Amino acid sequence: MSLLALCAVALCLGLVWSVAYRLGFREGRLTLPLRLIHALAEHEVGCRGVDPDRVVRDLVRVLALPERESRRLVARKVRSVAPSAPRTLRSA
């Protein structure tokens, strides 16, 4: 039974690797953690005051994210950033 389970795991790993290779690793794409992408979008919109549409375009162009997902992510970040006066280091 153990040998059968080991073969099944090896087969699954091979299948996952094959699909991942075809989806982008072959082209040299790197993956980024979603936390980093969320932090980047929040920083661009909240701290730097970049237009949300521009942030969406940049995420789509640079990170090859689907536009729908990028818009959803930025919309969530725009809601989480309260409209207030710009903060400086002294007022923080």
Protein backbone atom coordinates (compact mmCIF):
# COMPACT_ATOMS: atom_id res chain seq x y z
CA MET A 1 0.00 0.00 0.00
CA SER A 2 2.84 2.38 0.80
CA LEU A 3 4.46 1.87 -2.60
CA LEU A 4 1.17 2.64 -4.32
CA ALA A 5 0.78 5.87 -2.31
CA LEU A 6 4.35 6.89 -3.11
CA CYS A 7 3.75 6.35 -6.82
CA ALA A 8 0.53 8.38 -6.68
CA VAL A 9 2.32 11.28 -4.96
CA ALA A 10 5.15 11.19 -7.49
CA LEU A 11 2.64 11.19 -10.35
CA CYS A 12 0.77 14.17 -8.87
CA LEU A 13 3.99 16.13 -8.35
CA GLY A 14 5.04 15.45 -11.92
CA LEU A 15 1.67 16.61 -13.20
CA VAL A 16 1.80 19.82 -11.13
CA TRP A 17 5.33 20.57 -12.30
CA SER A 18 4.36 19.99 -15.92
CA VAL A 19 1.38 22.34 -15.72
CA ALA A 20 3.38 25.03 -13.86
CA TYR A 21 6.16 24.81 -16.43
CA ARG A 22 3.72 25.31 -19.28
CA LEU A 23 1.96 28.20 -17.54
CA GLY A 24 4.97 30.39 -17.13
CA PHE A 25 8.04 29.06 -15.38
CA ARG A 26 9.43 28.13 -18.78
CA GLU A 27 9.18 31.81 -19.78
CA GLY A 28 11.12 32.98 -16.76
CA ARG A 29 8.17 34.39 -14.85
CA LEU A 30 8.54 34.68 -11.14
CA THR A 31 5.76 34.44 -8.62
CA LEU A 32 5.13 37.06 -5.96
CA PRO A 33 3.32 36.52 -2.68
CA LEU A 34 -0.17 38.01 -2.66
CA ARG A 35 0.64 39.92 0.53
CA LEU A 36 3.32 41.82 -1.35
CA ILE A 37 0.97 42.67 -4.21
CA HIS A 38 -1.68 43.84 -1.72
CA ALA A 39 0.88 46.00 0.10
CA LEU A 40 2.09 47.48 -3.19
CA ALA A 41 -1.43 48.41 -4.29
CA GLU A 42 -2.25 49.91 -0.89
CA HIS A 43 0.98 51.92 -0.87
CA GLU A 44 0.48 53.23 -4.39
CA VAL A 45 -3.11 54.34 -3.74
CA GLY A 46 -2.91 55.37 -0.10
CA CYS A 47 0.58 56.77 0.41
CA ARG A 48 1.63 57.98 -3.00
CA GLY A 49 -1.85 59.05 -4.15
CA VAL A 50 -1.58 57.35 -7.53
CA ASP A 51 -4.80 57.14 -9.55
CA PRO A 52 -6.40 53.70 -8.97
CA ASP A 53 -6.86 53.16 -12.73
CA ARG A 54 -3.14 53.67 -13.24
CA VAL A 55 -2.37 51.17 -10.46
CA VAL A 56 -4.62 48.64 -12.20
CA ARG A 57 -2.85 49.20 -15.53
CA ASP A 58 0.54 48.81 -13.87
CA LEU A 59 -0.45 45.57 -12.13
CA VAL A 60 -1.76 44.16 -15.40
CA ARG A 61 1.26 45.27 -17.42
CA VAL A 62 4.10 44.55 -15.02
CA LEU A 63 2.83 41.56 -13.04
CA ALA A 64 0.63 40.03 -15.76
CA LEU A 65 -2.35 39.89 -13.43
CA PRO A 66 -5.81 39.55 -14.95
CA GLU A 67 -7.45 42.97 -15.23
CA ARG A 68 -10.57 41.88 -13.37
CA GLU A 69 -8.56 40.65 -10.40
CA SER A 70 -6.44 43.80 -10.42
CA ARG A 71 -9.52 46.03 -10.40
CA ARG A 72 -11.05 44.04 -7.55
CA LEU A 73 -7.83 44.26 -5.54
CA VAL A 74 -7.42 48.01 -6.06
CA ALA A 75 -11.10 48.69 -5.33
CA ARG A 76 -10.71 46.88 -2.01
CA LYS A 77 -7.61 48.95 -1.22
CA VAL A 78 -9.33 52.21 -2.16
CA ARG A 79 -12.14 51.39 0.29
CA SER A 80 -9.64 50.57 3.04
CA VAL A 81 -7.75 53.86 2.66
CA ALA A 82 -9.67 56.58 4.50
CA PRO A 83 -9.82 59.92 2.72
CA SER A 84 -7.82 62.12 5.04
CA ALA A 85 -5.17 64.78 4.89
CA PRO A 86 -1.77 63.62 3.65
CA ARG A 87 0.32 62.39 6.54
CA THR A 88 3.86 63.46 7.06
CA LEU A 89 6.41 61.84 9.32
CA ARG A 90 5.76 64.50 11.96
CA SER A 91 2.00 63.99 11.98
CA ALA A 92 2.24 60.19 12.07
